[in-house]
Amino acid sequence: MSGLSDKDWKTNMANIMKNAGMKGANRLNNEIENIHPNFLPTALGIIIDKIAVLQDQPTAVIEHRIQKISQDDINKMLKGETIIEIEPQEPSA
């Protein structure tokens, strides 16, 4: 008997995992009142994160800050004359 092709295997596994996910979500929904309060924050955090993923929302936000250092600042730092402390600047639009 031949096995499933990789594509068919992946499709079959995805369907099985979707089914298990649906059963788990239904069970959690039905038994949420019975979850110990110590576990609720973690469970709710995961749920909120997964809702965001399912709704195509970002789960992480990356902020880029522009910092400007002059050549003089670098030279002073290399000579040990000063420690550079830079205030983050808002990126220009």
PDB file of N, CA and C in Angstrom:
ATOM      1  N   MET A   1       0.850  -1.170   0.000  1.00  0.00           N
ATOM      2  CA  MET A   1       0.000   0.000   0.000  1.00  0.00           C
ATOM      3  C   MET A   1       0.903   1.243   0.000  1.00  0.00           C
ATOM      4  N   SER A   2       0.657   2.142  -0.918  1.00  0.00           N
ATOM      5  CA  SER A   2       1.489   3.339  -0.995  1.00  0.00           C
ATOM      6  C   SER A   2       1.005   4.389   0.000  1.00  0.00           C
ATOM      7  N   GLY A   3       1.937   5.207   0.472  1.00  0.00           N
ATOM      8  CA  GLY A   3       1.602   6.261   1.430  1.00  0.00           C
ATOM      9  C   GLY A   3       1.039   7.479   0.719  1.00  0.00           C
ATOM     10  N   LEU A   4       0.648   8.430   1.511  1.00  0.00           N
ATOM     11  CA  LEU A   4       0.146   9.684   0.974  1.00  0.00           C
ATOM     12  C   LEU A   4       1.305  10.512   0.434  1.00  0.00           C
ATOM     13  N   SER A   5       1.024  11.294  -0.594  1.00  0.00           N
ATOM     14  CA  SER A   5       2.041  12.231  -1.061  1.00  0.00           C
ATOM     15  C   SER A   5       2.242  13.289   0.019  1.00  0.00           C
ATOM     16  N   ASP A   6       3.354  14.016  -0.058  1.00  0.00           N
ATOM     17  CA  ASP A   6       3.617  15.054   0.941  1.00  0.00           C
ATOM     18  C   ASP A   6       2.482  16.066   1.006  1.00  0.00           C
ATOM     19  N   LYS A   7       1.988  16.469  -0.150  1.00  0.00           N
ATOM     20  CA  LYS A   7       0.909  17.454  -0.182  1.00  0.00           C
ATOM     21  C   LYS A   7      -0.354  16.892   0.468  1.00  0.00           C
ATOM     22  N   ASP A   8      -0.700  15.662   0.129  1.00  0.00           N
ATOM     23  CA  ASP A   8      -1.894  15.041   0.718  1.00  0.00           C
ATOM     24  C   ASP A   8      -1.725  14.829   2.215  1.00  0.00           C
ATOM     25  N   TRP A   9      -0.510  14.426   2.635  1.00  0.00           N
ATOM     26  CA  TRP A   9      -0.245  14.218   4.054  1.00  0.00           C
ATOM     27  C   TRP A   9      -0.402  15.520   4.820  1.00  0.00           C
ATOM     28  N   LYS A  10       0.175  16.608   4.284  1.00  0.00           N
ATOM     29  CA  LYS A  10       0.078  17.904   4.939  1.00  0.00           C
ATOM     30  C   LYS A  10      -1.375  18.365   5.027  1.00  0.00           C
ATOM     31  N   THR A  11      -2.126  18.175   3.945  1.00  0.00           N
ATOM     32  CA  THR A  11      -3.544  18.562   3.946  1.00  0.00           C
ATOM     33  C   THR A  11      -4.311  17.760   4.981  1.00  0.00           C
ATOM     34  N   ASN A  12      -4.050  16.453   5.035  1.00  0.00           N
ATOM     35  CA  ASN A  12      -4.722  15.581   5.998  1.00  0.00           C
ATOM     36  C   ASN A  12      -4.374  15.986   7.429  1.00  0.00           C
ATOM     37  N   MET A  13      -3.083  16.240   7.693  1.00  0.00           N
ATOM     38  CA  MET A  13      -2.656  16.643   9.041  1.00  0.00           C
ATOM     39  C   MET A  13      -3.264  17.988   9.427  1.00  0.00           C
ATOM     40  N   ALA A  14      -3.301  18.933   8.488  1.00  0.00           N
ATOM     41  CA  ALA A  14      -3.897  20.244   8.766  1.00  0.00           C
ATOM     42  C   ALA A  14      -5.363  20.086   9.141  1.00  0.00           C
ATOM     43  N   ASN A  15      -6.082  19.223   8.443  1.00  0.00           N
ATOM     44  CA  ASN A  15      -7.495  19.000   8.750  1.00  0.00           C
ATOM     45  C   ASN A  15      -7.679  18.361  10.131  1.00  0.00           C
ATOM     46  N   ILE A  16      -6.831  17.394  10.459  1.00  0.00           N
ATOM     47  CA  ILE A  16      -6.896  16.752  11.776  1.00  0.00           C
ATOM     48  C   ILE A  16      -6.617  17.780  12.874  1.00  0.00           C
ATOM     49  N   MET A  17      -5.601  18.626  12.672  1.00  0.00           N
ATOM     50  CA  MET A  17      -5.242  19.618  13.682  1.00  0.00           C
ATOM     51  C   MET A  17      -6.327  20.695  13.807  1.00  0.00           C
ATOM     52  N   LYS A  18      -6.946  21.070  12.688  1.00  0.00           N
ATOM     53  CA  LYS A  18      -8.062  22.026  12.744  1.00  0.00           C
ATOM     54  C   LYS A  18      -9.208  21.446  13.568  1.00  0.00           C
ATOM     55  N   ASN A  19      -9.498  20.164  13.349  1.00  0.00           N
ATOM     56  CA  ASN A  19     -10.569  19.501  14.076  1.00  0.00           C
ATOM     57  C   ASN A  19     -10.258  19.460  15.576  1.00  0.00           C
ATOM     58  N   ALA A  20      -9.015  19.108  15.918  1.00  0.00           N
ATOM     59  CA  ALA A  20      -8.609  19.073  17.321  1.00  0.00           C
ATOM     60  C   ALA A  20      -8.677  20.476  17.927  1.00  0.00           C
ATOM     61  N   GLY A  21      -8.254  21.480  17.168  1.00  0.00           N
ATOM     62  CA  GLY A  21      -8.325  22.853  17.637  1.00  0.00           C
ATOM     63  C   GLY A  21      -9.751  23.290  17.913  1.00  0.00           C
ATOM     64  N   MET A  22     -10.655  22.918  17.028  1.00  0.00           N
ATOM     65  CA  MET A  22     -12.063  23.265  17.209  1.00  0.00           C
ATOM     66  C   MET A  22     -12.626  22.575  18.451  1.00  0.00           C
ATOM     67  N   LYS A  23     -12.305  21.297  18.633  1.00  0.00           N
ATOM     68  CA  LYS A  23     -12.775  20.581  19.820  1.00  0.00           C
ATOM     69  C   LYS A  23     -12.214  21.211  21.096  1.00  0.00           C
ATOM     70  N   GLY A  24     -10.918  21.566  21.058  1.00  0.00           N
ATOM     71  CA  GLY A  24     -10.297  22.189  22.226  1.00  0.00           C
ATOM     72  C   GLY A  24     -10.909  23.540  22.535  1.00  0.00           C
ATOM     73  N   ALA A  25     -11.169  24.332  21.510  1.00  0.00           N
ATOM     74  CA  ALA A  25     -11.774  25.646  21.712  1.00  0.00           C
ATOM     75  C   ALA A  25     -13.191  25.507  22.279  1.00  0.00           C
ATOM     76  N   ASN A  26     -13.941  24.550  21.756  1.00  0.00           N
ATOM     77  CA  ASN A  26     -15.297  24.312  22.281  1.00  0.00           C
ATOM     78  C   ASN A  26     -15.255  23.857  23.735  1.00  0.00           C
ATOM     79  N   ARG A  27     -14.328  22.961  24.056  1.00  0.00           N
ATOM     80  CA  ARG A  27     -14.211  22.487  25.432  1.00  0.00           C
ATOM     81  C   ARG A  27     -13.822  23.625  26.367  1.00  0.00           C
ATOM     82  N   LEU A  28     -12.856  24.443  25.943  1.00  0.00           N
ATOM     83  CA  LEU A  28     -12.443  25.585  26.747  1.00  0.00           C
ATOM     84  C   LEU A  28     -13.617  26.525  26.967  1.00  0.00           C
ATOM     85  N   ASN A  29     -14.369  26.791  25.910  1.00  0.00           N
ATOM     86  CA  ASN A  29     -15.535  27.661  26.019  1.00  0.00           C
ATOM     87  C   ASN A  29     -16.569  27.091  26.996  1.00  0.00           C
ATOM     88  N   ASN A  30     -16.783  25.797  26.940  1.00  0.00           N
ATOM     89  CA  ASN A  30     -17.780  25.163  27.808  1.00  0.00           C
ATOM     90  C   ASN A  30     -17.329  25.044  29.256  1.00  0.00           C
ATOM     91  N   GLU A  31     -16.017  24.982  29.484  1.00  0.00           N
ATOM     92  CA  GLU A  31     -15.506  24.724  30.830  1.00  0.00           C
ATOM     93  C   GLU A  31     -14.699  25.891  31.404  1.00  0.00           C
ATOM     94  N   ILE A  32     -14.807  27.070  30.828  1.00  0.00           N
ATOM     95  CA  ILE A  32     -14.011  28.206  31.269  1.00  0.00           C
ATOM     96  C   ILE A  32     -14.255  28.536  32.740  1.00  0.00           C
ATOM     97  N   GLU A  33     -15.471  28.322  33.219  1.00  0.00           N
ATOM     98  CA  GLU A  33     -15.786  28.617  34.619  1.00  0.00           C
ATOM     99  C   GLU A  33     -15.054  27.693  35.582  1.00  0.00           C
ATOM    100  N   ASN A  34     -14.628  26.526  35.106  1.00  0.00           N
ATOM    101  CA  ASN A  34     -13.968  25.538  35.960  1.00  0.00           C
ATOM    102  C   ASN A  34     -12.441  25.664  35.963  1.00  0.00           C
ATOM    103  N   ILE A  35     -11.903  26.594  35.188  1.00  0.00           N
ATOM    104  CA  ILE A  35     -10.451  26.761  35.137  1.00  0.00           C
ATOM    105  C   ILE A  35     -10.000  27.497  36.393  1.00  0.00           C
ATOM    106  N   HIS A  36      -8.952  26.994  37.007  1.00  0.00           N
ATOM    107  CA  HIS A  36      -8.419  27.619  38.218  1.00  0.00           C
ATOM    108  C   HIS A  36      -7.981  29.045  37.890  1.00  0.00           C
ATOM    109  N   PRO A  37      -8.264  30.001  38.755  1.00  0.00           N
ATOM    110  CA  PRO A  37      -7.909  31.405  38.494  1.00  0.00           C
ATOM    111  C   PRO A  37      -6.427  31.634  38.185  1.00  0.00           C
ATOM    112  N   ASN A  38      -5.545  30.783  38.694  1.00  0.00           N
ATOM    113  CA  ASN A  38      -4.119  30.937  38.411  1.00  0.00           C
ATOM    114  C   ASN A  38      -3.790  30.718  36.930  1.00  0.00           C
ATOM    115  N   PHE A  39      -4.622  29.938  36.244  1.00  0.00           N
ATOM    116  CA  PHE A  39      -4.352  29.606  34.852  1.00  0.00           C
ATOM    117  C   PHE A  39      -5.082  30.517  33.872  1.00  0.00           C
ATOM    118  N   LEU A  40      -6.031  31.294  34.339  1.00  0.00           N
ATOM    119  CA  LEU A  40      -6.813  32.149  33.448  1.00  0.00           C
ATOM    120  C   LEU A  40      -5.975  33.194  32.702  1.00  0.00           C
ATOM    121  N   PRO A  41      -5.067  33.912  33.359  1.00  0.00           N
ATOM    122  CA  PRO A  41      -4.303  34.918  32.606  1.00  0.00           C
ATOM    123  C   PRO A  41      -3.537  34.323  31.424  1.00  0.00           C
ATOM    124  N   THR A  42      -2.916  33.169  31.633  1.00  0.00           N
ATOM    125  CA  THR A  42      -2.176  32.535  30.547  1.00  0.00           C
ATOM    126  C   THR A  42      -3.112  32.085  29.438  1.00  0.00           C
ATOM    127  N   ALA A  43      -4.200  31.429  29.820  1.00  0.00           N
ATOM    128  CA  ALA A  43      -5.163  30.953  28.827  1.00  0.00           C
ATOM    129  C   ALA A  43      -5.745  32.120  28.033  1.00  0.00           C
ATOM    130  N   LEU A  44      -6.122  33.178  28.722  1.00  0.00           N
ATOM    131  CA  LEU A  44      -6.712  34.321  28.038  1.00  0.00           C
ATOM    132  C   LEU A  44      -5.685  35.037  27.162  1.00  0.00           C
ATOM    133  N   GLY A  45      -4.443  35.119  27.616  1.00  0.00           N
ATOM    134  CA  GLY A  45      -3.399  35.730  26.800  1.00  0.00           C
ATOM    135  C   GLY A  45      -3.197  34.978  25.494  1.00  0.00           C
ATOM    136  N   ILE A  46      -3.162  33.661  25.572  1.00  0.00           N
ATOM    137  CA  ILE A  46      -3.013  32.841  24.368  1.00  0.00           C
ATOM    138  C   ILE A  46      -4.224  33.010  23.464  1.00  0.00           C
ATOM    139  N   ILE A  47      -5.414  33.003  24.054  1.00  0.00           N
ATOM    140  CA  ILE A  47      -6.640  33.157  23.263  1.00  0.00           C
ATOM    141  C   ILE A  47      -6.634  34.491  22.521  1.00  0.00           C
ATOM    142  N   ILE A  48      -6.312  35.570  23.230  1.00  0.00           N
ATOM    143  CA  ILE A  48      -6.297  36.902  22.609  1.00  0.00           C
ATOM    144  C   ILE A  48      -5.284  36.955  21.474  1.00  0.00           C
ATOM    145  N   ASP A  49      -4.107  36.364  21.690  1.00  0.00           N
ATOM    146  CA  ASP A  49      -3.084  36.331  20.659  1.00  0.00           C
ATOM    147  C   ASP A  49      -3.558  35.562  19.432  1.00  0.00           C
ATOM    148  N   LYS A  50      -4.193  34.418  19.651  1.00  0.00           N
ATOM    149  CA  LYS A  50      -4.635  33.591  18.526  1.00  0.00           C
ATOM    150  C   LYS A  50      -5.798  34.236  17.781  1.00  0.00           C
ATOM    151  N   ILE A  51      -6.652  34.954  18.483  1.00  0.00           N
ATOM    152  CA  ILE A  51      -7.721  35.696  17.802  1.00  0.00           C
ATOM    153  C   ILE A  51      -7.102  36.722  16.862  1.00  0.00           C
ATOM    154  N   ALA A  52      -6.073  37.432  17.342  1.00  0.00           N
ATOM    155  CA  ALA A  52      -5.397  38.426  16.509  1.00  0.00           C
ATOM    156  C   ALA A  52      -4.802  37.773  15.260  1.00  0.00           C
ATOM    157  N   VAL A  53      -4.183  36.600  15.424  1.00  0.00           N
ATOM    158  CA  VAL A  53      -3.604  35.895  14.283  1.00  0.00           C
ATOM    159  C   VAL A  53      -4.698  35.511  13.293  1.00  0.00           C
ATOM    160  N   LEU A  54      -5.795  34.968  13.792  1.00  0.00           N
ATOM    161  CA  LEU A  54      -6.887  34.552  12.914  1.00  0.00           C
ATOM    162  C   LEU A  54      -7.526  35.731  12.188  1.00  0.00           C
ATOM    163  N   GLN A  55      -7.442  36.917  12.778  1.00  0.00           N
ATOM    164  CA  GLN A  55      -8.012  38.111  12.155  1.00  0.00           C
ATOM    165  C   GLN A  55      -6.954  38.911  11.400  1.00  0.00           C
ATOM    166  N   ASP A  56      -5.812  38.261  11.121  1.00  0.00           N
ATOM    167  CA  ASP A  56      -4.716  38.879  10.366  1.00  0.00           C
ATOM    168  C   ASP A  56      -4.196  40.159  10.995  1.00  0.00           C
ATOM    169  N   GLN A  57      -4.197  40.218  12.324  1.00  0.00           N
ATOM    170  CA  GLN A  57      -3.650  41.360  13.046  1.00  0.00           C
ATOM    171  C   GLN A  57      -2.214  41.035  13.446  1.00  0.00           C
ATOM    172  N   PRO A  58      -1.364  42.047  13.544  1.00  0.00           N
ATOM    173  CA  PRO A  58       0.018  41.773  13.959  1.00  0.00           C
ATOM    174  C   PRO A  58       0.059  41.343  15.421  1.00  0.00           C
ATOM    175  N   THR A  59       0.941  40.400  15.732  1.00  0.00           N
ATOM    176  CA  THR A  59       1.096  39.966  17.117  1.00  0.00           C
ATOM    177  C   THR A  59       2.324  40.597  17.751  1.00  0.00           C
ATOM    178  N   ALA A  60       3.102  41.301  16.950  1.00  0.00           N
ATOM    179  CA  ALA A  60       4.265  42.017  17.463  1.00  0.00           C
ATOM    180  C   ALA A  60       4.391  43.328  16.699  1.00  0.00           C
ATOM    181  N   VAL A  61       4.752  44.356  17.398  1.00  0.00           N
ATOM    182  CA  VAL A  61       4.969  45.652  16.773  1.00  0.00           C
ATOM    183  C   VAL A  61       6.427  46.019  16.987  1.00  0.00           C
ATOM    184  N   ILE A  62       7.112  46.309  15.907  1.00  0.00           N
ATOM    185  CA  ILE A  62       8.526  46.659  15.982  1.00  0.00           C
ATOM    186  C   ILE A  62       8.650  48.160  15.777  1.00  0.00           C
ATOM    187  N   GLU A  63       9.325  48.801  16.706  1.00  0.00           N
ATOM    188  CA  GLU A  63       9.515  50.243  16.633  1.00  0.00           C
ATOM    189  C   GLU A  63      10.960  50.523  16.269  1.00  0.00           C
ATOM    190  N   HIS A  64      11.156  51.340  15.263  1.00  0.00           N
ATOM    191  CA  HIS A  64      12.496  51.730  14.854  1.00  0.00           C
ATOM    192  C   HIS A  64      12.760  53.147  15.350  1.00  0.00           C
ATOM    193  N   ARG A  65      13.859  53.327  16.023  1.00  0.00           N
ATOM    194  CA  ARG A  65      14.238  54.645  16.511  1.00  0.00           C
ATOM    195  C   ARG A  65      15.542  55.046  15.834  1.00  0.00           C
ATOM    196  N   ILE A  66      15.579  56.270  15.402  1.00  0.00           N
ATOM    197  CA  ILE A  66      16.766  56.779  14.732  1.00  0.00           C
ATOM    198  C   ILE A  66      17.645  57.468  15.770  1.00  0.00           C
ATOM    199  N   GLN A  67      18.887  57.069  15.812  1.00  0.00           N
ATOM    200  CA  GLN A  67      19.837  57.681  16.727  1.00  0.00           C
ATOM    201  C   GLN A  67      21.001  58.208  15.900  1.00  0.00           C
ATOM    202  N   LYS A  68      21.389  59.446  16.157  1.00  0.00           N
ATOM    203  CA  LYS A  68      22.475  60.047  15.393  1.00  0.00           C
ATOM    204  C   LYS A  68      23.690  60.229  16.294  1.00  0.00           C
ATOM    205  N   ILE A  69      24.824  59.706  15.833  1.00  0.00           N
ATOM    206  CA  ILE A  69      26.081  59.830  16.544  1.00  0.00           C
ATOM    207  C   ILE A  69      27.062  60.488  15.577  1.00  0.00           C
ATOM    208  N   SER A  70      27.726  61.512  16.039  1.00  0.00           N
ATOM    209  CA  SER A  70      28.699  62.183  15.180  1.00  0.00           C
ATOM    210  C   SER A  70      30.031  61.441  15.228  1.00  0.00           C
ATOM    211  N   GLN A  71      30.867  61.717  14.249  1.00  0.00           N
ATOM    212  CA  GLN A  71      32.201  61.120  14.230  1.00  0.00           C
ATOM    213  C   GLN A  71      33.004  61.577  15.447  1.00  0.00           C
ATOM    214  N   ASP A  72      32.808  62.830  15.852  1.00  0.00           N
ATOM    215  CA  ASP A  72      33.499  63.333  17.044  1.00  0.00           C
ATOM    216  C   ASP A  72      33.104  62.525  18.288  1.00  0.00           C
ATOM    217  N   ASP A  73      31.808  62.201  18.409  1.00  0.00           N
ATOM    218  CA  ASP A  73      31.346  61.393  19.537  1.00  0.00           C
ATOM    219  C   ASP A  73      32.022  60.028  19.535  1.00  0.00           C
ATOM    220  N   ILE A  74      32.127  59.425  18.359  1.00  0.00           N
ATOM    221  CA  ILE A  74      32.762  58.106  18.257  1.00  0.00           C
ATOM    222  C   ILE A  74      34.238  58.195  18.636  1.00  0.00           C
ATOM    223  N   ASN A  75      34.920  59.230  18.138  1.00  0.00           N
ATOM    224  CA  ASN A  75      36.347  59.403  18.474  1.00  0.00           C
ATOM    225  C   ASN A  75      36.539  59.567  19.973  1.00  0.00           C
ATOM    226  N   LYS A  76      35.694  60.371  20.622  1.00  0.00           N
ATOM    227  CA  LYS A  76      35.796  60.572  22.072  1.00  0.00           C
ATOM    228  C   LYS A  76      35.556  59.263  22.814  1.00  0.00           C
ATOM    229  N   MET A  77      34.588  58.491  22.338  1.00  0.00           N
ATOM    230  CA  MET A  77      34.287  57.217  22.979  1.00  0.00           C
ATOM    231  C   MET A  77      35.476  56.267  22.843  1.00  0.00           C
ATOM    232  N   LEU A  78      36.073  56.211  21.655  1.00  0.00           N
ATOM    233  CA  LEU A  78      37.207  55.320  21.432  1.00  0.00           C
ATOM    234  C   LEU A  78      38.416  55.707  22.286  1.00  0.00           C
ATOM    235  N   LYS A  79      38.566  56.996  22.533  1.00  0.00           N
ATOM    236  CA  LYS A  79      39.670  57.470  23.369  1.00  0.00           C
ATOM    237  C   LYS A  79      39.351  57.347  24.855  1.00  0.00           C
ATOM    238  N   GLY A  80      38.128  56.957  25.170  1.00  0.00           N
ATOM    239  CA  GLY A  80      37.730  56.813  26.561  1.00  0.00           C
ATOM    240  C   GLY A  80      37.443  58.131  27.237  1.00  0.00           C
ATOM    241  N   GLU A  81      37.241  59.169  26.466  1.00  0.00           N
ATOM    242  CA  GLU A  81      37.003  60.485  27.038  1.00  0.00           C
ATOM    243  C   GLU A  81      35.571  60.677  27.530  1.00  0.00           C
ATOM    244  N   THR A  82      34.650  59.956  26.958  1.00  0.00           N
ATOM    245  CA  THR A  82      33.250  60.163  27.326  1.00  0.00           C
ATOM    246  C   THR A  82      32.430  58.920  27.020  1.00  0.00           C
ATOM    247  N   ILE A  83      31.291  58.865  27.643  1.00  0.00           N
ATOM    248  CA  ILE A  83      30.307  57.829  27.339  1.00  0.00           C
ATOM    249  C   ILE A  83      29.181  58.520  26.585  1.00  0.00           C
ATOM    250  N   ILE A  84      28.816  57.956  25.459  1.00  0.00           N
ATOM    251  CA  ILE A  84      27.777  58.574  24.633  1.00  0.00           C
ATOM    252  C   ILE A  84      26.407  58.204  25.184  1.00  0.00           C
ATOM    253  N   GLU A  85      25.634  59.213  25.474  1.00  0.00           N
ATOM    254  CA  GLU A  85      24.242  59.009  25.868  1.00  0.00           C
ATOM    255  C   GLU A  85      23.383  59.673  24.816  1.00  0.00           C
ATOM    256  N   ILE A  86      22.593  58.888  24.166  1.00  0.00           N
ATOM    257  CA  ILE A  86      21.798  59.388  23.046  1.00  0.00           C
ATOM    258  C   ILE A  86      20.332  59.371  23.413  1.00  0.00           C
ATOM    259  N   GLU A  87      19.674  60.468  23.170  1.00  0.00           N
ATOM    260  CA  GLU A  87      18.223  60.542  23.343  1.00  0.00           C
ATOM    261  C   GLU A  87      17.591  60.073  22.044  1.00  0.00           C
ATOM    262  N   PRO A  88      16.666  59.119  22.110  1.00  0.00           N
ATOM    263  CA  PRO A  88      16.002  58.665  20.875  1.00  0.00           C
ATOM    264  C   PRO A  88      15.260  59.829  20.229  1.00  0.00           C
ATOM    265  N   GLN A  89      15.312  59.890  18.925  1.00  0.00           N
ATOM    266  CA  GLN A  89      14.592  60.904  18.177  1.00  0.00           C
ATOM    267  C   GLN A  89      13.453  60.258  17.422  1.00  0.00           C
ATOM    268  N   GLU A  90      12.365  60.968  17.299  1.00  0.00           N
ATOM    269  CA  GLU A  90      11.239  60.465  16.529  1.00  0.00           C
ATOM    270  C   GLU A  90      11.620  60.427  15.063  1.00  0.00           C
ATOM    271  N   PRO A  91      11.290  59.343  14.361  1.00  0.00           N
ATOM    272  CA  PRO A  91      11.607  59.285  12.933  1.00  0.00           C
ATOM    273  C   PRO A  91      10.812  60.345  12.176  1.00  0.00           C
ATOM    274  N   SER A  92      11.444  60.927  11.196  1.00  0.00           N
ATOM    275  CA  SER A  92      10.741  61.924  10.386  1.00  0.00           C
ATOM    276  C   SER A  92       9.890  61.209   9.355  1.00  0.00           C
ATOM    277  N   ALA A  93       8.710  61.744   9.130  1.00  0.00           N
ATOM    278  CA  ALA A  93       7.774  61.100   8.207  1.00  0.00           C
ATOM    279  C   ALA A  93       8.070  61.454   6.777  1.00  0.00           C
TER     280      ALA A  93
END
